[in-house]
Amino acid sequence: MLPAMAADPPPRDPSLPNPHPVSHPTGVVARRVPATDGIGPGRLRLNAIVDGAGKQWSDDAALAALPGLCHDPNADIWVDLAGASREQVLEVGRILDIHPLIVEDVLEGNQRAKIETTDGVVHIVLFHLTYDDEAVASELDIVLGLGYLLTAHDGSWEPSASPHLRSGVEPILKHGPDHLLWALADDIVDGYFPFADKLGDAIDDVQDAVVRETSKETLEQLFKLKRELIIVRRSISPVREVFNQLTSRDIALIDDDELPYFRDIYDHVIRLTDELDNYRELASATLDVYLTTVNNNLSVIMKRLTGVTVILAGIGAVAGIFGMSEAGAALGGGEAGGFWLITAIVVAMATVAAVVLRKIDWI
């Protein structure tokens, strides 16, 4: 018997923007999209392997066939909700006898990547990354139960486009819902690597900009990139723990034969987090290079100002000794010879000082 449902969260106002903007390393806007929009009916697809034969239903026909399949011990089921409405999620949760807390998490969205086990049912949250003129992180809720796999996501992600499912769902689902979970998760994690490559390209661009010129815009871009690396690291780091638990043999719904597949994904996630750590170190090193370059430029400026000061100080010392009153007399013809001699000596000394300072690269 399904326990009483928890209080439903209030429906979202359609006039309000649903995605929440976050920053992106390439300078475009990134959005996080929840698995369900809670407004109109979405696409419901049901795939099942019954006695070795594959069957498919969609929308209302899928809802009608689902209760009978749930009671068939020889059936392996995949229920896929794309942009589902609130009512669809509640109905599917009721038929599959999913704990109300899991249903509430699916409806609420705005989750972090995680794995939880409730009443013997595994709930996994991952994010699918896409990027055209903007980057979008789409939440994917996966519920693995005895004999079934439930996926809930927005309509932008098409699971059938996964390389593992291009030849159809049946070859994967025949090995069980846990094998289908591996196929979908492998596609999700593989999609992180192009995103990491974009981070690497952004770091290369900033490094080139630092070498060419130290400007305020370059510094702003560098700090923005460091913030982005922290955000991406926090988004992907929990995925490592997800697959660490999936490979720990503590989840009865994961067959031992599937553990090598999940270990392969776990290795990919480790490599990805290592790359992100390297990028973060590169960003920190780039900041150090920027600050060093700024200090070097300041040293060059101070050195040149010192050279100019040496020249002017010599001229000022001579002028202070003889006094400017002598200049008036000399210009009036009273002391022409001495004045012009001292002036010539001062100019010669300044010229020699300028040549010497120029040779040692002080001016």
Protein backbone atom coordinates (compact mmCIF):
# COMPACT_ATOMS: atom_id res chain seq x y z
CA MET A 1 0.00 0.00 0.00
CA LEU A 2 1.44 3.36 -0.99
CA PRO A 3 1.90 5.66 2.03
CA ALA A 4 0.19 9.01 2.13
CA MET A 5 1.74 11.46 -0.28
CA ALA A 6 3.62 14.39 1.15
CA ALA A 7 2.20 17.83 0.63
CA ASP A 8 2.62 18.73 -3.03
CA PRO A 9 4.75 21.75 -3.84
CA PRO A 10 2.82 24.65 -5.35
CA PRO A 11 2.65 24.71 -9.15
CA ARG A 12 5.02 27.05 -10.90
CA ASP A 13 3.67 30.28 -12.32
CA PRO A 14 4.01 30.02 -16.14
CA SER A 15 4.71 33.75 -16.34
CA LEU A 16 7.89 33.35 -14.32
CA PRO A 17 11.14 32.19 -15.90
CA ASN A 18 11.75 28.56 -15.08
CA PRO A 19 15.50 28.14 -15.66
CA HIS A 20 17.91 29.84 -13.27
CA PRO A 21 20.81 31.64 -14.98
CA VAL A 22 24.34 30.68 -14.02
CA SER A 23 27.61 31.78 -15.56
CA HIS A 24 29.53 30.00 -18.27
CA PRO A 25 33.24 29.96 -19.06
CA THR A 26 32.85 30.97 -22.68
CA GLY A 27 30.89 34.07 -21.72
CA VAL A 28 27.43 32.92 -22.81
CA VAL A 29 24.48 32.38 -20.51
CA ALA A 30 23.96 28.92 -19.03
CA ARG A 31 20.64 27.61 -17.77
CA ARG A 32 19.62 24.82 -15.44
CA VAL A 33 16.43 23.12 -16.56
CA PRO A 34 14.41 20.90 -14.18
CA ALA A 35 13.24 17.46 -15.21
CA THR A 36 9.56 18.44 -15.24
CA ASP A 37 7.86 21.71 -16.05
CA GLY A 38 4.64 20.99 -14.18
CA ILE A 39 2.49 22.66 -16.84
CA GLY A 40 1.31 20.80 -19.92
CA PRO A 41 1.34 17.08 -20.66
CA GLY A 42 4.68 15.77 -21.82
CA ARG A 43 5.74 12.69 -23.72
CA LEU A 44 5.35 9.35 -21.98
CA ARG A 45 7.00 6.30 -23.51
CA LEU A 46 6.92 2.77 -22.19
CA ASN A 47 9.32 0.07 -23.36
CA ALA A 48 9.13 -3.45 -21.98
CA ILE A 49 10.71 -6.83 -22.51
CA VAL A 50 8.11 -9.48 -21.78
CA ASP A 51 9.19 -13.11 -22.14
CA GLY A 52 12.08 -11.99 -24.38
CA ALA A 53 9.92 -9.92 -26.73
CA GLY A 54 10.11 -6.13 -26.93
CA LYS A 55 6.98 -3.99 -26.79
CA GLN A 56 6.37 -0.25 -26.88
CA TRP A 57 3.56 2.08 -25.84
CA SER A 58 3.20 5.85 -25.63
CA ASP A 59 1.14 8.39 -23.71
CA ASP A 60 -2.33 7.11 -22.67
CA ALA A 61 -1.69 3.62 -23.99
CA ALA A 62 1.48 3.47 -21.89
CA LEU A 63 -0.43 4.45 -18.74
CA ALA A 64 -3.03 1.80 -19.46
CA ALA A 65 -0.43 -0.95 -20.01
CA LEU A 66 1.85 -0.03 -17.11
CA PRO A 67 -0.18 -1.50 -14.19
CA GLY A 68 -0.31 -4.95 -15.79
CA LEU A 69 3.40 -4.92 -16.57
CA CYS A 70 4.27 -3.96 -13.00
CA HIS A 71 2.75 -7.22 -11.74
CA ASP A 72 4.50 -9.37 -14.35
CA PRO A 73 7.67 -10.88 -12.81
CA ASN A 74 9.00 -11.70 -16.29
CA ALA A 75 8.82 -8.09 -17.53
CA ASP A 76 11.63 -5.52 -17.60
CA ILE A 77 10.22 -2.02 -17.95
CA TRP A 78 11.55 1.38 -18.94
CA VAL A 79 9.26 4.36 -18.39
CA ASP A 80 10.54 7.58 -19.97
CA LEU A 81 8.93 10.93 -19.10
CA ALA A 82 9.99 13.85 -21.27
CA GLY A 83 8.76 17.27 -20.13
CA ALA A 84 6.06 15.53 -18.10
CA SER A 85 3.29 17.33 -16.30
CA ARG A 86 2.75 17.12 -12.58
CA GLU A 87 -0.21 14.78 -13.02
CA GLN A 88 1.78 12.39 -15.20
CA VAL A 89 4.58 12.14 -12.64
CA LEU A 90 2.14 11.54 -9.79
CA GLU A 91 0.26 8.88 -11.75
CA VAL A 92 3.39 7.01 -12.78
CA GLY A 93 4.71 7.23 -9.22
CA ARG A 94 1.46 5.78 -7.92
CA ILE A 95 1.46 2.89 -10.38
CA LEU A 96 5.12 2.03 -9.74
CA ASP A 97 4.60 2.42 -5.98
CA ILE A 98 7.48 4.88 -5.69
CA HIS A 99 8.09 6.51 -2.33
CA PRO A 100 6.44 9.95 -2.15
CA LEU A 101 9.73 11.63 -1.21
CA ILE A 102 11.26 10.48 -4.50
CA VAL A 103 8.21 11.69 -6.42
CA GLU A 104 8.47 15.02 -4.64
CA ASP A 105 12.15 15.36 -5.57
CA VAL A 106 11.35 14.66 -9.22
CA LEU A 107 8.62 17.30 -9.21
CA GLU A 108 10.62 19.87 -7.29
CA GLY A 109 13.73 19.83 -9.46
CA ASN A 110 16.67 22.07 -8.58
CA GLN A 111 18.56 19.09 -7.20
CA ARG A 112 22.26 18.43 -7.07
CA ALA A 113 23.83 15.31 -8.57
CA LYS A 114 23.17 12.61 -5.99
CA ILE A 115 22.21 9.01 -5.29
CA GLU A 116 19.72 7.95 -2.61
CA THR A 117 18.15 4.65 -1.70
CA THR A 118 14.63 4.76 -0.25
CA ASP A 119 12.56 1.65 0.42
CA GLY A 120 14.88 -0.40 -1.77
CA VAL A 121 14.48 2.01 -4.71
CA VAL A 122 17.49 3.94 -6.03
CA HIS A 123 17.03 7.58 -7.01
CA ILE A 124 19.83 9.15 -9.06
CA VAL A 125 20.08 12.76 -10.24
CA LEU A 126 22.44 13.64 -13.08
CA PHE A 127 22.72 16.59 -15.45
CA HIS A 128 22.87 16.46 -19.23
CA LEU A 129 24.90 19.31 -20.73
CA THR A 130 24.10 20.85 -24.10
CA TYR A 131 25.50 23.99 -25.70
CA ASP A 132 24.64 25.89 -28.86
CA ASP A 133 24.63 29.65 -28.43
CA GLU A 134 24.04 29.03 -24.72
CA ALA A 135 24.89 26.24 -22.31
CA VAL A 136 22.02 24.32 -20.73
CA ALA A 137 22.28 21.87 -17.84
CA SER A 138 19.18 19.67 -17.96
CA GLU A 139 18.29 17.69 -14.87
CA LEU A 140 17.78 13.97 -15.33
CA ASP A 141 16.02 12.01 -12.58
CA ILE A 142 16.53 8.24 -12.71
CA VAL A 143 14.62 5.83 -10.50
CA LEU A 144 15.78 2.20 -10.47
CA GLY A 145 13.41 -0.31 -8.92
CA LEU A 146 12.80 -4.02 -9.07
CA GLY A 147 12.13 -4.78 -12.73
CA TYR A 148 11.82 -1.19 -13.92
CA LEU A 149 13.74 1.98 -14.72
CA LEU A 150 12.05 5.39 -14.66
CA THR A 151 13.66 8.43 -16.29
CA ALA A 152 12.29 11.97 -16.07
CA HIS A 153 13.85 14.85 -17.99
CA ASP A 154 12.95 17.87 -20.06
CA GLY A 155 12.19 17.58 -23.74
CA SER A 156 15.59 18.78 -24.98
CA TRP A 157 17.30 15.46 -24.26
CA GLU A 158 16.51 12.48 -26.46
CA PRO A 159 17.72 9.24 -24.85
CA SER A 160 17.21 7.26 -28.04
CA ALA A 161 20.01 9.37 -29.57
CA SER A 162 22.46 7.74 -27.17
CA PRO A 163 25.07 5.68 -29.03
CA HIS A 164 24.04 2.63 -27.00
CA LEU A 165 20.37 2.96 -28.03
CA ARG A 166 20.69 3.80 -31.71
CA SER A 167 19.98 0.19 -32.64
CA GLY A 168 16.93 0.14 -30.38
CA VAL A 169 16.09 -0.25 -26.72
CA GLU A 170 15.47 -4.00 -26.76
CA PRO A 171 19.12 -5.17 -27.00
CA ILE A 172 19.98 -3.11 -23.91
CA LEU A 173 16.81 -3.67 -21.90
CA LYS A 174 17.07 -7.45 -22.37
CA HIS A 175 20.02 -7.36 -19.98
CA GLY A 176 17.89 -5.70 -17.32
CA PRO A 177 17.02 -2.16 -16.15
CA ASP A 178 20.42 -1.84 -14.47
CA HIS A 179 22.14 -2.32 -17.83
CA LEU A 180 19.91 0.34 -19.34
CA LEU A 181 20.89 2.62 -16.45
CA TRP A 182 24.53 2.10 -17.41
CA ALA A 183 23.85 2.93 -21.07
CA LEU A 184 22.10 6.21 -20.23
CA ALA A 185 24.64 7.22 -17.55
CA ASP A 186 27.54 6.48 -19.88
CA ASP A 187 26.07 8.83 -22.47
CA ILE A 188 25.57 11.55 -19.85
CA VAL A 189 29.14 11.35 -18.55
CA ASP A 190 30.64 11.22 -22.05
CA GLY A 191 28.83 14.49 -22.73
CA TYR A 192 30.82 16.19 -19.97
CA PHE A 193 34.11 15.90 -21.82
CA PRO A 194 33.27 18.38 -24.63
CA PHE A 195 32.20 20.79 -21.90
CA ALA A 196 35.56 20.30 -20.15
CA ASP A 197 37.27 20.89 -23.50
CA LYS A 198 35.50 24.24 -23.71
CA LEU A 199 36.95 25.10 -20.32
CA GLY A 200 40.40 24.19 -21.59
CA ASP A 201 39.95 26.38 -24.66
CA ALA A 202 38.80 29.26 -22.45
CA ILE A 203 41.93 28.90 -20.30
CA ASP A 204 44.13 28.90 -23.42
CA ASP A 205 42.47 32.11 -24.63
CA VAL A 206 43.01 33.81 -21.27
CA GLN A 207 46.64 32.70 -21.16
CA ASP A 208 47.23 34.12 -24.64
CA ALA A 209 45.57 37.37 -23.59
CA VAL A 210 47.78 37.61 -20.49
CA VAL A 211 50.91 37.13 -22.59
CA ARG A 212 49.82 39.75 -25.12
CA GLU A 213 48.52 42.43 -22.77
CA THR A 214 47.69 42.92 -19.11
CA SER A 215 44.39 44.75 -19.09
CA LYS A 216 41.41 45.09 -16.81
CA GLU A 217 39.29 43.03 -19.21
CA THR A 218 41.80 40.18 -19.12
CA LEU A 219 41.79 40.18 -15.32
CA GLU A 220 37.98 40.16 -15.22
CA GLN A 221 37.89 37.24 -17.64
CA LEU A 222 40.47 35.38 -15.57
CA PHE A 223 38.51 35.78 -12.34
CA LYS A 224 35.34 34.81 -14.16
CA LEU A 225 37.03 31.67 -15.41
CA LYS A 226 38.17 30.77 -11.89
CA ARG A 227 34.61 31.14 -10.64
CA GLU A 228 33.39 28.98 -13.50
CA LEU A 229 35.85 26.25 -12.65
CA ILE A 230 34.59 26.22 -9.07
CA ILE A 231 30.97 26.01 -10.24
CA VAL A 232 31.68 23.22 -12.72
CA ARG A 233 33.79 21.35 -10.17
CA ARG A 234 30.96 21.50 -7.66
CA SER A 235 28.48 20.32 -10.27
CA ILE A 236 30.51 17.33 -11.43
CA SER A 237 32.20 16.28 -8.19
CA PRO A 238 29.05 14.64 -6.74
CA VAL A 239 28.84 12.44 -9.84
CA ARG A 240 31.98 10.72 -8.64
CA GLU A 241 30.26 9.67 -5.42
CA VAL A 242 27.21 8.49 -7.38
CA PHE A 243 29.21 5.94 -9.35
CA ASN A 244 31.37 5.10 -6.39
CA GLN A 245 28.24 3.85 -4.64
CA LEU A 246 26.98 2.10 -7.77
CA THR A 247 30.20 0.05 -7.87
CA SER A 248 30.32 -0.76 -4.15
CA ARG A 249 28.21 -3.98 -4.36
CA ASP A 250 25.89 -2.54 -1.69
CA ILE A 251 22.96 -1.99 -4.06
CA ALA A 252 20.98 -5.16 -4.59
CA LEU A 253 19.35 -3.80 -7.76
CA ILE A 254 22.73 -3.69 -9.53
CA ASP A 255 23.78 -7.10 -10.76
CA ASP A 256 27.38 -8.10 -10.14
CA ASP A 257 27.86 -8.57 -13.88
CA GLU A 258 27.07 -4.86 -14.37
CA LEU A 259 29.72 -3.63 -11.94
CA PRO A 260 32.54 -3.53 -14.56
CA TYR A 261 30.38 -1.28 -16.73
CA PHE A 262 29.80 1.19 -13.91
CA ARG A 263 33.47 1.04 -12.95
CA ASP A 264 34.27 2.17 -16.49
CA ILE A 265 32.04 5.23 -16.00
CA TYR A 266 33.63 5.80 -12.60
CA ASP A 267 37.06 5.85 -14.26
CA HIS A 268 35.80 8.42 -16.75
CA VAL A 269 34.49 10.62 -13.95
CA ILE A 270 37.81 10.40 -12.11
CA ARG A 271 39.65 11.42 -15.28
CA LEU A 272 37.22 14.27 -15.75
CA THR A 273 37.64 15.58 -12.21
CA ASP A 274 41.42 15.32 -12.62
CA GLU A 275 41.20 17.43 -15.76
CA LEU A 276 39.11 20.01 -13.92
CA ASP A 277 41.67 20.10 -11.12
CA ASN A 278 44.41 20.64 -13.72
CA TYR A 279 42.39 23.45 -15.28
CA ARG A 280 41.95 25.06 -11.88
CA GLU A 281 45.70 24.91 -11.29
CA LEU A 282 46.31 26.38 -14.73
CA ALA A 283 43.90 29.21 -13.97
CA SER A 284 45.70 29.90 -10.68
CA ALA A 285 49.06 29.79 -12.46
CA THR A 286 47.73 32.17 -15.11
CA LEU A 287 46.68 34.58 -12.37
CA ASP A 288 50.19 34.39 -10.90
CA VAL A 289 51.65 35.10 -14.33
CA TYR A 290 49.30 38.06 -14.72
CA LEU A 291 50.33 39.52 -11.35
CA THR A 292 54.01 38.91 -12.10
CA THR A 293 53.65 40.64 -15.46
CA VAL A 294 51.94 43.60 -13.83
CA ASN A 295 54.75 43.85 -11.26
CA ASN A 296 57.37 43.61 -14.00
CA ASN A 297 55.67 46.35 -15.98
CA LEU A 298 55.55 48.51 -12.87
CA SER A 299 59.26 47.87 -12.28
CA VAL A 300 60.03 48.94 -15.85
CA ILE A 301 58.01 52.12 -15.41
CA MET A 302 59.73 52.94 -12.12
CA LYS A 303 63.14 52.27 -13.68
CA ARG A 304 62.44 54.64 -16.54
CA LEU A 305 61.09 57.31 -14.24
CA THR A 306 64.29 56.95 -12.20
CA GLY A 307 66.38 57.45 -15.34
CA VAL A 308 64.47 60.60 -16.23
CA THR A 309 64.88 61.80 -12.64
CA VAL A 310 68.66 61.33 -12.85
CA ILE A 311 68.82 63.56 -15.93
CA LEU A 312 66.56 66.26 -14.53
CA ALA A 313 68.22 66.16 -11.12
CA GLY A 314 71.59 66.98 -12.69
CA ILE A 315 70.15 69.90 -14.57
CA GLY A 316 68.32 71.12 -11.50
CA ALA A 317 71.44 70.91 -9.33
CA VAL A 318 73.47 73.07 -11.70
CA ALA A 319 70.62 75.56 -12.07
CA GLY A 320 70.28 75.75 -8.30
CA ILE A 321 73.96 76.50 -7.78
CA PHE A 322 74.21 79.35 -10.26
CA GLY A 323 70.71 80.77 -9.70
CA MET A 324 68.16 81.85 -12.26
CA SER A 325 69.04 85.52 -11.66
CA GLU A 326 72.21 84.96 -13.66
CA ALA A 327 70.06 83.88 -16.60
CA GLY A 328 68.44 87.28 -16.76
CA ALA A 329 71.78 89.03 -16.83
CA ALA A 330 73.11 86.66 -19.48
CA LEU A 331 70.10 87.09 -21.68
CA GLY A 332 70.49 90.87 -21.30
CA GLY A 333 74.05 90.62 -22.56
CA GLY A 334 75.71 91.13 -19.19
CA GLU A 335 77.26 87.69 -18.66
CA ALA A 336 76.88 85.99 -21.97
CA GLY A 337 80.05 83.92 -22.01
CA GLY A 338 79.77 82.20 -18.59
CA PHE A 339 76.05 81.53 -18.88
CA TRP A 340 76.22 79.87 -22.25
CA LEU A 341 79.26 77.85 -21.18
CA ILE A 342 77.44 76.43 -18.16
CA THR A 343 74.37 75.80 -20.30
CA ALA A 344 76.42 73.86 -22.83
CA ILE A 345 78.04 71.78 -20.08
CA VAL A 346 74.63 70.98 -18.56
CA VAL A 347 73.21 69.94 -21.93
CA ALA A 348 76.27 67.78 -22.62
CA MET A 349 76.01 66.10 -19.22
CA ALA A 350 72.30 65.42 -19.75
CA THR A 351 73.01 63.97 -23.19
CA VAL A 352 75.74 61.66 -21.88
CA ALA A 353 73.47 60.53 -19.02
CA ALA A 354 70.63 59.84 -21.45
CA VAL A 355 72.93 57.78 -23.72
CA VAL A 356 74.24 55.74 -20.80
CA LEU A 357 70.76 55.14 -19.36
CA ARG A 358 69.53 54.17 -22.80
CA LYS A 359 72.27 51.57 -23.17
CA ILE A 360 71.34 49.93 -19.86
CA ASP A 361 67.66 50.05 -20.84
CA TRP A 362 66.58 52.46 -18.15
CA ILE A 363 64.83 54.85 -20.53
